Amino acid sequence: KAEGKADRTYREICSWLSENWTSRPSREEVAALFKITPNYLSQLFRSRGGRGYSDYLTNLRMIHAGKLLTEEKMTLAEVGSLCGYRDPAYFCRQFKKATGKTPTEFRIGRDR
């Protein structure tokens, strides 16, 4: 049954993150909230999700950035800020790394 508990904990954390990603929760904060160690949290993300906690959180942020870029008429700085990036240039680099396109290219591709 230990396997079931780990799966459930992972799903609960992912669900919580999908609602609270904008607060930029640290690995330590999330681990404390779910009463597990930060190392166990990392282990859960690697074993259940195939990627680390920070990669998972970055991916969530990029999914939301993509939605904002296509649905809203905001500047790149505004989108980056809403997704937890204080530096617009860093946001643009992270977005391109995650999607293969700059935010502007992504937006133009979706406007067609």
PDB file of N, CA and C in Angstrom:
ATOM      1  N   LYS A   1       0.817  -1.221   0.000  1.00  0.00           N
ATOM      2  CA  LYS A   1       0.000   0.000   0.000  1.00  0.00           C
ATOM      3  C   LYS A   1       0.849   1.269   0.000  1.00  0.00           C
ATOM      4  N   ALA A   2       2.125   1.150   0.308  1.00  0.00           N
ATOM      5  CA  ALA A   2       2.993   2.332   0.323  1.00  0.00           C
ATOM      6  C   ALA A   2       3.001   3.001  -1.054  1.00  0.00           C
ATOM      7  N   GLU A   3       2.946   2.189  -2.103  1.00  0.00           N
ATOM      8  CA  GLU A   3       2.923   2.709  -3.476  1.00  0.00           C
ATOM      9  C   GLU A   3       1.695   3.603  -3.695  1.00  0.00           C
ATOM     10  N   GLY A   4       0.542   3.153  -3.202  1.00  0.00           N
ATOM     11  CA  GLY A   4      -0.678   3.931  -3.342  1.00  0.00           C
ATOM     12  C   GLY A   4      -0.601   5.266  -2.613  1.00  0.00           C
ATOM     13  N   LYS A   5      -0.005   5.262  -1.443  1.00  0.00           N
ATOM     14  CA  LYS A   5       0.124   6.501  -0.665  1.00  0.00           C
ATOM     15  C   LYS A   5       1.038   7.499  -1.371  1.00  0.00           C
ATOM     16  N   ALA A   6       2.134   7.013  -1.942  1.00  0.00           N
ATOM     17  CA  ALA A   6       3.056   7.895  -2.663  1.00  0.00           C
ATOM     18  C   ALA A   6       2.362   8.508  -3.886  1.00  0.00           C
ATOM     19  N   ASP A   7       1.625   7.669  -4.623  1.00  0.00           N
ATOM     20  CA  ASP A   7       0.893   8.168  -5.793  1.00  0.00           C
ATOM     21  C   ASP A   7      -0.126   9.230  -5.383  1.00  0.00           C
ATOM     22  N   ARG A   8      -0.847   8.944  -4.322  1.00  0.00           N
ATOM     23  CA  ARG A   8      -1.865   9.883  -3.837  1.00  0.00           C
ATOM     24  C   ARG A   8      -1.221  11.204  -3.391  1.00  0.00           C
ATOM     25  N   THR A   9      -0.116  11.098  -2.664  1.00  0.00           N
ATOM     26  CA  THR A   9       0.581  12.307  -2.210  1.00  0.00           C
ATOM     27  C   THR A   9       1.048  13.129  -3.409  1.00  0.00           C
ATOM     28  N   TYR A  10       1.611  12.459  -4.411  1.00  0.00           N
ATOM     29  CA  TYR A  10       2.070  13.155  -5.622  1.00  0.00           C
ATOM     30  C   TYR A  10       0.900  13.860  -6.312  1.00  0.00           C
ATOM     31  N   ARG A  11      -0.211  13.158  -6.477  1.00  0.00           N
ATOM     32  CA  ARG A  11      -1.391  13.763  -7.122  1.00  0.00           C
ATOM     33  C   ARG A  11      -1.904  14.960  -6.318  1.00  0.00           C
ATOM     34  N   GLU A  12      -1.932  14.825  -4.993  1.00  0.00           N
ATOM     35  CA  GLU A  12      -2.406  15.930  -4.148  1.00  0.00           C
ATOM     36  C   GLU A  12      -1.493  17.149  -4.273  1.00  0.00           C
ATOM     37  N   ILE A  13      -0.197  16.913  -4.308  1.00  0.00           N
ATOM     38  CA  ILE A  13       0.755  18.023  -4.452  1.00  0.00           C
ATOM     39  C   ILE A  13       0.566  18.690  -5.814  1.00  0.00           C
ATOM     40  N   CYS A  14       0.448  17.887  -6.871  1.00  0.00           N
ATOM     41  CA  CYS A  14       0.253  18.453  -8.219  1.00  0.00           C
ATOM     42  C   CYS A  14      -1.034  19.269  -8.288  1.00  0.00           C
ATOM     43  N   SER A  15      -2.085  18.754  -7.673  1.00  0.00           N
ATOM     44  CA  SER A  15      -3.355  19.462  -7.645  1.00  0.00           C
ATOM     45  C   SER A  15      -3.208  20.795  -6.898  1.00  0.00           C
ATOM     46  N   TRP A  16      -2.541  20.747  -5.753  1.00  0.00           N
ATOM     47  CA  TRP A  16      -2.329  21.970  -4.969  1.00  0.00           C
ATOM     48  C   TRP A  16      -1.499  22.969  -5.776  1.00  0.00           C
ATOM     49  N   LEU A  17      -0.448  22.490  -6.455  1.00  0.00           N
ATOM     50  CA  LEU A  17       0.402  23.381  -7.248  1.00  0.00           C
ATOM     51  C   LEU A  17      -0.371  24.018  -8.399  1.00  0.00           C
ATOM     52  N   SER A  18      -1.300  23.269  -9.004  1.00  0.00           N
ATOM     53  CA  SER A  18      -2.061  23.829 -10.123  1.00  0.00           C
ATOM     54  C   SER A  18      -2.937  24.993  -9.667  1.00  0.00           C
ATOM     55  N   GLU A  19      -3.271  25.025  -8.384  1.00  0.00           N
ATOM     56  CA  GLU A  19      -4.063  26.132  -7.825  1.00  0.00           C
ATOM     57  C   GLU A  19      -3.204  27.249  -7.236  1.00  0.00           C
ATOM     58  N   ASN A  20      -1.974  26.932  -6.857  1.00  0.00           N
ATOM     59  CA  ASN A  20      -1.150  27.877  -6.093  1.00  0.00           C
ATOM     60  C   ASN A  20       0.193  28.212  -6.728  1.00  0.00           C
ATOM     61  N   TRP A  21       0.376  27.891  -8.010  1.00  0.00           N
ATOM     62  CA  TRP A  21       1.664  28.096  -8.660  1.00  0.00           C
ATOM     63  C   TRP A  21       2.096  29.552  -8.684  1.00  0.00           C
ATOM     64  N   THR A  22       1.147  30.490  -8.676  1.00  0.00           N
ATOM     65  CA  THR A  22       1.525  31.904  -8.768  1.00  0.00           C
ATOM     66  C   THR A  22       2.259  32.393  -7.529  1.00  0.00           C
ATOM     67  N   SER A  23       2.094  31.695  -6.412  1.00  0.00           N
ATOM     68  CA  SER A  23       2.782  32.112  -5.185  1.00  0.00           C
ATOM     69  C   SER A  23       4.253  31.691  -5.196  1.00  0.00           C
ATOM     70  N   ARG A  24       4.673  31.015  -6.250  1.00  0.00           N
ATOM     71  CA  ARG A  24       6.054  30.542  -6.388  1.00  0.00           C
ATOM     72  C   ARG A  24       6.507  29.751  -5.165  1.00  0.00           C
ATOM     73  N   PRO A  25       5.763  28.708  -4.814  1.00  0.00           N
ATOM     74  CA  PRO A  25       6.094  27.947  -3.598  1.00  0.00           C
ATOM     75  C   PRO A  25       7.424  27.208  -3.734  1.00  0.00           C
ATOM     76  N   SER A  26       8.253  27.338  -2.726  1.00  0.00           N
ATOM     77  CA  SER A  26       9.537  26.630  -2.744  1.00  0.00           C
ATOM     78  C   SER A  26       9.316  25.157  -2.426  1.00  0.00           C
ATOM     79  N   ARG A  27      10.290  24.378  -2.770  1.00  0.00           N
ATOM     80  CA  ARG A  27      10.257  22.937  -2.480  1.00  0.00           C
ATOM     81  C   ARG A  27      10.072  22.717  -0.980  1.00  0.00           C
ATOM     82  N   GLU A  28      10.781  23.512  -0.175  1.00  0.00           N
ATOM     83  CA  GLU A  28      10.696  23.380   1.280  1.00  0.00           C
ATOM     84  C   GLU A  28       9.305  23.739   1.801  1.00  0.00           C
ATOM     85  N   GLU A  29       8.708  24.791   1.251  1.00  0.00           N
ATOM     86  CA  GLU A  29       7.362  25.197   1.685  1.00  0.00           C
ATOM     87  C   GLU A  29       6.332  24.114   1.363  1.00  0.00           C
ATOM     88  N   VAL A  30       6.415  23.573   0.154  1.00  0.00           N
ATOM     89  CA  VAL A  30       5.458  22.539  -0.253  1.00  0.00           C
ATOM     90  C   VAL A  30       5.659  21.277   0.587  1.00  0.00           C
ATOM     91  N   ALA A  31       6.906  20.904   0.811  1.00  0.00           N
ATOM     92  CA  ALA A  31       7.190  19.719   1.628  1.00  0.00           C
ATOM     93  C   ALA A  31       6.608  19.893   3.035  1.00  0.00           C
ATOM     94  N   ALA A  32       6.807  21.056   3.628  1.00  0.00           N
ATOM     95  CA  ALA A  32       6.287  21.312   4.978  1.00  0.00           C
ATOM     96  C   ALA A  32       4.760  21.237   4.984  1.00  0.00           C
ATOM     97  N   LEU A  33       4.131  21.809   3.966  1.00  0.00           N
ATOM     98  CA  LEU A  33       2.676  21.809   3.873  1.00  0.00           C
ATOM     99  C   LEU A  33       2.111  20.386   3.828  1.00  0.00           C
ATOM    100  N   PHE A  34       2.818  19.502   3.118  1.00  0.00           N
ATOM    101  CA  PHE A  34       2.353  18.124   2.983  1.00  0.00           C
ATOM    102  C   PHE A  34       3.012  17.182   3.991  1.00  0.00           C
ATOM    103  N   LYS A  35       3.739  17.765   4.946  1.00  0.00           N
ATOM    104  CA  LYS A  35       4.357  17.009   6.045  1.00  0.00           C
ATOM    105  C   LYS A  35       5.280  15.900   5.557  1.00  0.00           C
ATOM    106  N   ILE A  36       6.113  16.259   4.559  1.00  0.00           N
ATOM    107  CA  ILE A  36       7.148  15.351   4.066  1.00  0.00           C
ATOM    108  C   ILE A  36       8.454  16.136   3.996  1.00  0.00           C
ATOM    109  N   THR A  37       9.552  15.454   3.809  1.00  0.00           N
ATOM    110  CA  THR A  37      10.831  16.163   3.704  1.00  0.00           C
ATOM    111  C   THR A  37      11.019  16.691   2.281  1.00  0.00           C
ATOM    112  N   PRO A  38      11.802  17.766   2.128  1.00  0.00           N
ATOM    113  CA  PRO A  38      12.084  18.276   0.775  1.00  0.00           C
ATOM    114  C   PRO A  38      12.714  17.200  -0.132  1.00  0.00           C
ATOM    115  N   ASN A  39      13.572  16.369   0.432  1.00  0.00           N
ATOM    116  CA  ASN A  39      14.189  15.314  -0.377  1.00  0.00           C
ATOM    117  C   ASN A  39      13.161  14.290  -0.845  1.00  0.00           C
ATOM    118  N   TYR A  40      12.216  13.940   0.015  1.00  0.00           N
ATOM    119  CA  TYR A  40      11.165  13.000  -0.386  1.00  0.00           C
ATOM    120  C   TYR A  40      10.281  13.633  -1.466  1.00  0.00           C
ATOM    121  N   LEU A  41       9.997  14.923  -1.350  1.00  0.00           N
ATOM    122  CA  LEU A  41       9.216  15.620  -2.378  1.00  0.00           C
ATOM    123  C   LEU A  41       9.931  15.511  -3.720  1.00  0.00           C
ATOM    124  N   SER A  42      11.231  15.772  -3.728  1.00  0.00           N
ATOM    125  CA  SER A  42      12.008  15.664  -4.969  1.00  0.00           C
ATOM    126  C   SER A  42      11.963  14.246  -5.521  1.00  0.00           C
ATOM    127  N   GLN A  43      12.083  13.273  -4.629  1.00  0.00           N
ATOM    128  CA  GLN A  43      12.035  11.866  -5.032  1.00  0.00           C
ATOM    129  C   GLN A  43      10.670  11.529  -5.657  1.00  0.00           C
ATOM    130  N   LEU A  44       9.584  12.039  -5.063  1.00  0.00           N
ATOM    131  CA  LEU A  44       8.244  11.810  -5.621  1.00  0.00           C
ATOM    132  C   LEU A  44       8.139  12.353  -7.039  1.00  0.00           C
ATOM    133  N   PHE A  45       8.641  13.573  -7.250  1.00  0.00           N
ATOM    134  CA  PHE A  45       8.532  14.176  -8.578  1.00  0.00           C
ATOM    135  C   PHE A  45       9.369  13.433  -9.604  1.00  0.00           C
ATOM    136  N   ARG A  46      10.540  12.966  -9.193  1.00  0.00           N
ATOM    137  CA  ARG A  46      11.381  12.215 -10.125  1.00  0.00           C
ATOM    138  C   ARG A  46      10.771  10.845 -10.434  1.00  0.00           C
ATOM    139  N   SER A  47      10.295  10.138  -9.407  1.00  0.00           N
ATOM    140  CA  SER A  47       9.791   8.777  -9.620  1.00  0.00           C
ATOM    141  C   SER A  47       8.394   8.760 -10.237  1.00  0.00           C
ATOM    142  N   ARG A  48       7.513   9.678  -9.864  1.00  0.00           N
ATOM    143  CA  ARG A  48       6.138   9.682 -10.367  1.00  0.00           C
ATOM    144  C   ARG A  48       5.969  10.554 -11.611  1.00  0.00           C
ATOM    145  N   GLY A  49       6.683  11.672 -11.661  1.00  0.00           N
ATOM    146  CA  GLY A  49       6.483  12.606 -12.767  1.00  0.00           C
ATOM    147  C   GLY A  49       7.596  12.625 -13.796  1.00  0.00           C
ATOM    148  N   GLY A  50       8.706  11.962 -13.478  1.00  0.00           N
ATOM    149  CA  GLY A  50       9.803  11.887 -14.435  1.00  0.00           C
ATOM    150  C   GLY A  50      10.608  13.162 -14.573  1.00  0.00           C
ATOM    151  N   ARG A  51      10.375  14.112 -13.672  1.00  0.00           N
ATOM    152  CA  ARG A  51      11.163  15.354 -13.692  1.00  0.00           C
ATOM    153  C   ARG A  51      11.205  15.923 -12.289  1.00  0.00           C
ATOM    154  N   GLY A  52      12.134  16.845 -12.084  1.00  0.00           N
ATOM    155  CA  GLY A  52      12.286  17.443 -10.767  1.00  0.00           C
ATOM    156  C   GLY A  52      11.169  18.425 -10.440  1.00  0.00           C
ATOM    157  N   TYR A  53      11.078  18.766  -9.172  1.00  0.00           N
ATOM    158  CA  TYR A  53      10.058  19.704  -8.699  1.00  0.00           C
ATOM    159  C   TYR A  53      10.140  21.038  -9.435  1.00  0.00           C
ATOM    160  N   SER A  54      11.336  21.619  -9.522  1.00  0.00           N
ATOM    161  CA  SER A  54      11.434  22.945 -10.150  1.00  0.00           C
ATOM    162  C   SER A  54      11.084  22.884 -11.634  1.00  0.00           C
ATOM    163  N   ASP A  55      11.441  21.780 -12.310  1.00  0.00           N
ATOM    164  CA  ASP A  55      11.059  21.621 -13.717  1.00  0.00           C
ATOM    165  C   ASP A  55       9.535  21.535 -13.859  1.00  0.00           C
ATOM    166  N   TYR A  56       8.911  20.815 -12.933  1.00  0.00           N
ATOM    167  CA  TYR A  56       7.446  20.699 -12.948  1.00  0.00           C
ATOM    168  C   TYR A  56       6.806  22.074 -12.771  1.00  0.00           C
ATOM    169  N   LEU A  57       7.301  22.831 -11.791  1.00  0.00           N
ATOM    170  CA  LEU A  57       6.740  24.151 -11.516  1.00  0.00           C
ATOM    171  C   LEU A  57       6.978  25.096 -12.693  1.00  0.00           C
ATOM    172  N   THR A  58       8.166  25.051 -13.277  1.00  0.00           N
ATOM    173  CA  THR A  58       8.457  25.888 -14.453  1.00  0.00           C
ATOM    174  C   THR A  58       7.511  25.538 -15.587  1.00  0.00           C
ATOM    175  N   ASN A  59       7.268  24.243 -15.812  1.00  0.00           N
ATOM    176  CA  ASN A  59       6.351  23.824 -16.868  1.00  0.00           C
ATOM    177  C   ASN A  59       4.943  24.366 -16.631  1.00  0.00           C
ATOM    178  N   LEU A  60       4.478  24.293 -15.391  1.00  0.00           N
ATOM    179  CA  LEU A  60       3.158  24.850 -15.052  1.00  0.00           C
ATOM    180  C   LEU A  60       3.107  26.340 -15.390  1.00  0.00           C
ATOM    181  N   ARG A  61       4.148  27.055 -15.003  1.00  0.00           N
ATOM    182  CA  ARG A  61       4.203  28.493 -15.255  1.00  0.00           C
ATOM    183  C   ARG A  61       4.196  28.792 -16.760  1.00  0.00           C
ATOM    184  N   MET A  62       4.880  27.966 -17.548  1.00  0.00           N
ATOM    185  CA  MET A  62       4.939  28.178 -18.995  1.00  0.00           C
ATOM    186  C   MET A  62       3.602  27.874 -19.667  1.00  0.00           C
ATOM    187  N   ILE A  63       2.894  26.872 -19.154  1.00  0.00           N
ATOM    188  CA  ILE A  63       1.555  26.574 -19.679  1.00  0.00           C
ATOM    189  C   ILE A  63       0.646  27.798 -19.485  1.00  0.00           C
ATOM    190  N   HIS A  64       0.696  28.366 -18.294  1.00  0.00           N
ATOM    191  CA  HIS A  64      -0.127  29.542 -18.015  1.00  0.00           C
ATOM    192  C   HIS A  64       0.349  30.752 -18.815  1.00  0.00           C
ATOM    193  N   ALA A  65       1.648  30.883 -18.995  1.00  0.00           N
ATOM    194  CA  ALA A  65       2.184  31.985 -19.810  1.00  0.00           C
ATOM    195  C   ALA A  65       1.655  31.874 -21.235  1.00  0.00           C
ATOM    196  N   GLY A  66       1.656  30.658 -21.779  1.00  0.00           N
ATOM    197  CA  GLY A  66       1.144  30.453 -23.136  1.00  0.00           C
ATOM    198  C   GLY A  66      -0.308  30.869 -23.256  1.00  0.00           C
ATOM    199  N   LYS A  67      -1.110  30.527 -22.241  1.00  0.00           N
ATOM    200  CA  LYS A  67      -2.522  30.926 -22.250  1.00  0.00           C
ATOM    201  C   LYS A  67      -2.660  32.440 -22.207  1.00  0.00           C
ATOM    202  N   LEU A  68      -1.886  33.066 -21.329  1.00  0.00           N
ATOM    203  CA  LEU A  68      -1.954  34.529 -21.215  1.00  0.00           C
ATOM    204  C   LEU A  68      -1.502  35.208 -22.503  1.00  0.00           C
ATOM    205  N   LEU A  69      -0.477  34.663 -23.123  1.00  0.00           N
ATOM    206  CA  LEU A  69       0.032  35.265 -24.370  1.00  0.00           C
ATOM    207  C   LEU A  69      -1.001  35.210 -25.486  1.00  0.00           C
ATOM    208  N   THR A  70      -1.823  34.163 -25.495  1.00  0.00           N
ATOM    209  CA  THR A  70      -2.795  34.026 -26.583  1.00  0.00           C
ATOM    210  C   THR A  70      -4.167  34.598 -26.248  1.00  0.00           C
ATOM    211  N   GLU A  71      -4.519  34.627 -24.954  1.00  0.00           N
ATOM    212  CA  GLU A  71      -5.865  35.060 -24.588  1.00  0.00           C
ATOM    213  C   GLU A  71      -5.950  36.510 -24.142  1.00  0.00           C
ATOM    214  N   GLU A  72      -4.842  37.052 -23.701  1.00  0.00           N
ATOM    215  CA  GLU A  72      -4.866  38.401 -23.138  1.00  0.00           C
ATOM    216  C   GLU A  72      -4.002  39.341 -23.974  1.00  0.00           C
ATOM    217  N   LYS A  73      -4.339  40.600 -23.928  1.00  0.00           N
ATOM    218  CA  LYS A  73      -3.527  41.620 -24.598  1.00  0.00           C
ATOM    219  C   LYS A  73      -2.640  42.286 -23.549  1.00  0.00           C
ATOM    220  N   MET A  74      -1.612  41.568 -23.137  1.00  0.00           N
ATOM    221  CA  MET A  74      -0.686  42.067 -22.125  1.00  0.00           C
ATOM    222  C   MET A  74       0.701  42.193 -22.721  1.00  0.00           C
ATOM    223  N   THR A  75       1.510  43.015 -22.084  1.00  0.00           N
ATOM    224  CA  THR A  75       2.910  43.088 -22.498  1.00  0.00           C
ATOM    225  C   THR A  75       3.609  41.819 -22.023  1.00  0.00           C
ATOM    226  N   LEU A  76       4.774  41.549 -22.603  1.00  0.00           N
ATOM    227  CA  LEU A  76       5.542  40.380 -22.170  1.00  0.00           C
ATOM    228  C   LEU A  76       5.941  40.519 -20.708  1.00  0.00           C
ATOM    229  N   ALA A  77       6.250  41.738 -20.295  1.00  0.00           N
ATOM    230  CA  ALA A  77       6.614  41.973 -18.894  1.00  0.00           C
ATOM    231  C   ALA A  77       5.447  41.641 -17.970  1.00  0.00           C
ATOM    232  N   GLU A  78       4.232  42.007 -18.370  1.00  0.00           N
ATOM    233  CA  GLU A  78       3.049  41.708 -17.552  1.00  0.00           C
ATOM    234  C   GLU A  78       2.810  40.200 -17.458  1.00  0.00           C
ATOM    235  N   VAL A  79       2.926  39.517 -18.591  1.00  0.00           N
ATOM    236  CA  VAL A  79       2.743  38.061 -18.592  1.00  0.00           C
ATOM    237  C   VAL A  79       3.813  37.419 -17.712  1.00  0.00           C
ATOM    238  N   GLY A  80       5.061  37.821 -17.903  1.00  0.00           N
ATOM    239  CA  GLY A  80       6.150  37.272 -17.096  1.00  0.00           C
ATOM    240  C   GLY A  80       5.921  37.498 -15.616  1.00  0.00           C
ATOM    241  N   SER A  81       5.498  38.691 -15.269  1.00  0.00           N
ATOM    242  CA  SER A  81       5.259  39.030 -13.870  1.00  0.00           C
ATOM    243  C   SER A  81       4.137  38.176 -13.275  1.00  0.00           C
ATOM    244  N   LEU A  82       3.048  38.016 -14.015  1.00  0.00           N
ATOM    245  CA  LEU A  82       1.938  37.185 -13.539  1.00  0.00           C
ATOM    246  C   LEU A  82       2.351  35.721 -13.358  1.00  0.00           C
ATOM    247  N   CYS A  83       3.345  35.304 -14.127  1.00  0.00           N
ATOM    248  CA  CYS A  83       3.823  33.925 -14.039  1.00  0.00           C
ATOM    249  C   CYS A  83       5.000  33.784 -13.067  1.00  0.00           C
ATOM    250  N   GLY A  84       5.290  34.847 -12.340  1.00  0.00           N
ATOM    251  CA  GLY A  84       6.292  34.760 -11.285  1.00  0.00           C
ATOM    252  C   GLY A  84       7.704  35.154 -11.661  1.00  0.00           C
ATOM    253  N   TYR A  85       7.867  35.807 -12.796  1.00  0.00           N
ATOM    254  CA  TYR A  85       9.205  36.238 -13.232  1.00  0.00           C
ATOM    255  C   TYR A  85       9.325  37.746 -13.101  1.00  0.00           C
ATOM    256  N   ARG A  86      10.267  38.177 -12.286  1.00  0.00           N
ATOM    257  CA  ARG A  86      10.453  39.625 -12.081  1.00  0.00           C
ATOM    258  C   ARG A  86      11.178  40.282 -13.253  1.00  0.00           C
ATOM    259  N   ASP A  87      12.039  39.519 -13.915  1.00  0.00           N
ATOM    260  CA  ASP A  87      12.857  40.045 -15.011  1.00  0.00           C
ATOM    261  C   ASP A  87      12.272  39.565 -16.343  1.00  0.00           C
ATOM    262  N   PRO A  88      11.754  40.500 -17.155  1.00  0.00           N
ATOM    263  CA  PRO A  88      11.147  40.104 -18.436  1.00  0.00           C
ATOM    264  C   PRO A  88      12.114  39.355 -19.358  1.00  0.00           C
ATOM    265  N   ALA A  89      13.386  39.746 -19.364  1.00  0.00           N
ATOM    266  CA  ALA A  89      14.365  39.078 -20.231  1.00  0.00           C
ATOM    267  C   ALA A  89      14.559  37.620 -19.790  1.00  0.00           C
ATOM    268  N   TYR A  90      14.601  37.396 -18.499  1.00  0.00           N
ATOM    269  CA  TYR A  90      14.745  36.033 -17.975  1.00  0.00           C
ATOM    270  C   TYR A  90      13.499  35.209 -18.314  1.00  0.00           C
ATOM    271  N   PHE A  91      12.328  35.820 -18.171  1.00  0.00           N
ATOM    272  CA  PHE A  91      11.088  35.139 -18.550  1.00  0.00           C
ATOM    273  C   PHE A  91      11.149  34.713 -20.016  1.00  0.00           C
ATOM    274  N   CYS A  92      11.569  35.615 -20.891  1.00  0.00           N
ATOM    275  CA  CYS A  92      11.637  35.309 -22.326  1.00  0.00           C
ATOM    276  C   CYS A  92      12.603  34.155 -22.600  1.00  0.00           C
ATOM    277  N   ARG A  93      13.755  34.148 -21.923  1.00  0.00           N
ATOM    278  CA  ARG A  93      14.718  33.052 -22.098  1.00  0.00           C
ATOM    279  C   ARG A  93      14.135  31.725 -21.624  1.00  0.00           C
ATOM    280  N   GLN A  94      13.481  31.752 -20.471  1.00  0.00           N
ATOM    281  CA  GLN A  94      12.887  30.525 -19.928  1.00  0.00           C
ATOM    282  C   GLN A  94      11.764  30.022 -20.835  1.00  0.00           C
ATOM    283  N   PHE A  95      10.971  30.945 -21.356  1.00  0.00           N
ATOM    284  CA  PHE A  95       9.860  30.565 -22.239  1.00  0.00           C
ATOM    285  C   PHE A  95      10.408  29.908 -23.506  1.00  0.00           C
ATOM    286  N   LYS A  96      11.442  30.504 -24.092  1.00  0.00           N
ATOM    287  CA  LYS A  96      12.022  29.938 -25.313  1.00  0.00           C
ATOM    288  C   LYS A  96      12.634  28.571 -25.027  1.00  0.00           C
ATOM    289  N   LYS A  97      13.289  28.438 -23.892  1.00  0.00           N
ATOM    290  CA  LYS A  97      13.890  27.155 -23.509  1.00  0.00           C
ATOM    291  C   LYS A  97      12.800  26.075 -23.381  1.00  0.00           C
ATOM    292  N   ALA A  98      11.647  26.457 -22.835  1.00  0.00           N
ATOM    293  CA  ALA A  98      10.560  25.500 -22.597  1.00  0.00           C
ATOM    294  C   ALA A  98       9.769  25.174 -23.861  1.00  0.00           C
ATOM    295  N   THR A  99       9.585  26.160 -24.739  1.00  0.00           N
ATOM    296  CA  THR A  99       8.685  25.965 -25.887  1.00  0.00           C
ATOM    297  C   THR A  99       9.383  25.935 -27.245  1.00  0.00           C
ATOM    298  N   GLY A 100      10.629  26.400 -27.281  1.00  0.00           N
ATOM    299  CA  GLY A 100      11.328  26.480 -28.562  1.00  0.00           C
ATOM    300  C   GLY A 100      11.018  27.753 -29.330  1.00  0.00           C
ATOM    301  N   LYS A 101      10.162  28.600 -28.763  1.00  0.00           N
ATOM    302  CA  LYS A 101       9.804  29.868 -29.407  1.00  0.00           C
ATOM    303  C   LYS A 101       9.895  30.993 -28.390  1.00  0.00           C
ATOM    304  N   THR A 102      10.185  32.185 -28.893  1.00  0.00           N
ATOM    305  CA  THR A 102      10.119  33.341 -28.004  1.00  0.00           C
ATOM    306  C   THR A 102       8.641  33.607 -27.713  1.00  0.00           C
ATOM    307  N   PRO A 103       8.339  34.338 -26.646  1.00  0.00           N
ATOM    308  CA  PRO A 103       6.930  34.674 -26.390  1.00  0.00           C
ATOM    309  C   PRO A 103       6.274  35.384 -27.579  1.00  0.00           C
ATOM    310  N   THR A 104       7.012  36.258 -28.238  1.00  0.00           N
ATOM    311  CA  THR A 104       6.465  36.978 -29.398  1.00  0.00           C
ATOM    312  C   THR A 104       6.170  36.017 -30.547  1.00  0.00           C
ATOM    313  N   GLU A 105       7.102  35.113 -30.844  1.00  0.00           N
ATOM    314  CA  GLU A 105       6.868  34.119 -31.897  1.00  0.00           C
ATOM    315  C   GLU A 105       5.671  33.229 -31.556  1.00  0.00           C
ATOM    316  N   PHE A 106       5.563  32.852 -30.293  1.00  0.00           N
ATOM    317  CA  PHE A 106       4.449  32.025 -29.835  1.00  0.00           C
ATOM    318  C   PHE A 106       3.139  32.754 -30.046  1.00  0.00           C
ATOM    319  N   ARG A 107       3.097  34.021 -29.659  1.00  0.00           N
ATOM    320  CA  ARG A 107       1.885  34.822 -29.785  1.00  0.00           C
ATOM    321  C   ARG A 107       1.498  35.006 -31.252  1.00  0.00           C
ATOM    322  N   ILE A 108       2.470  35.305 -32.105  1.00  0.00           N
ATOM    323  CA  ILE A 108       2.196  35.506 -33.530  1.00  0.00           C
ATOM    324  C   ILE A 108       1.685  34.206 -34.163  1.00  0.00           C
ATOM    325  N   GLY A 109       2.285  33.090 -33.787  1.00  0.00           N
ATOM    326  CA  GLY A 109       1.873  31.785 -34.310  1.00  0.00           C
ATOM    327  C   GLY A 109       0.441  31.461 -33.932  1.00  0.00           C
ATOM    328  N   ARG A 110      -0.002  31.924 -32.791  1.00  0.00           N
ATOM    329  CA  ARG A 110      -1.375  31.631 -32.316  1.00  0.00           C
ATOM    330  C   ARG A 110      -2.399  32.614 -32.883  1.00  0.00           C
ATOM    331  N   ASP A 111      -1.924  33.769 -33.338  1.00  0.00           N
ATOM    332  CA  ASP A 111      -2.854  34.785 -33.860  1.00  0.00           C
ATOM    333  C   ASP A 111      -3.325  34.456 -35.271  1.00  0.00           C
ATOM    334  N   ARG A 112      -2.654  33.526 -35.926  1.00  0.00           N
ATOM    335  CA  ARG A 112      -3.013  33.209 -37.319  1.00  0.00           C
ATOM    336  C   ARG A 112      -4.303  32.434 -37.406  1.00  0.00           C
TER     337      ARG A 112
END
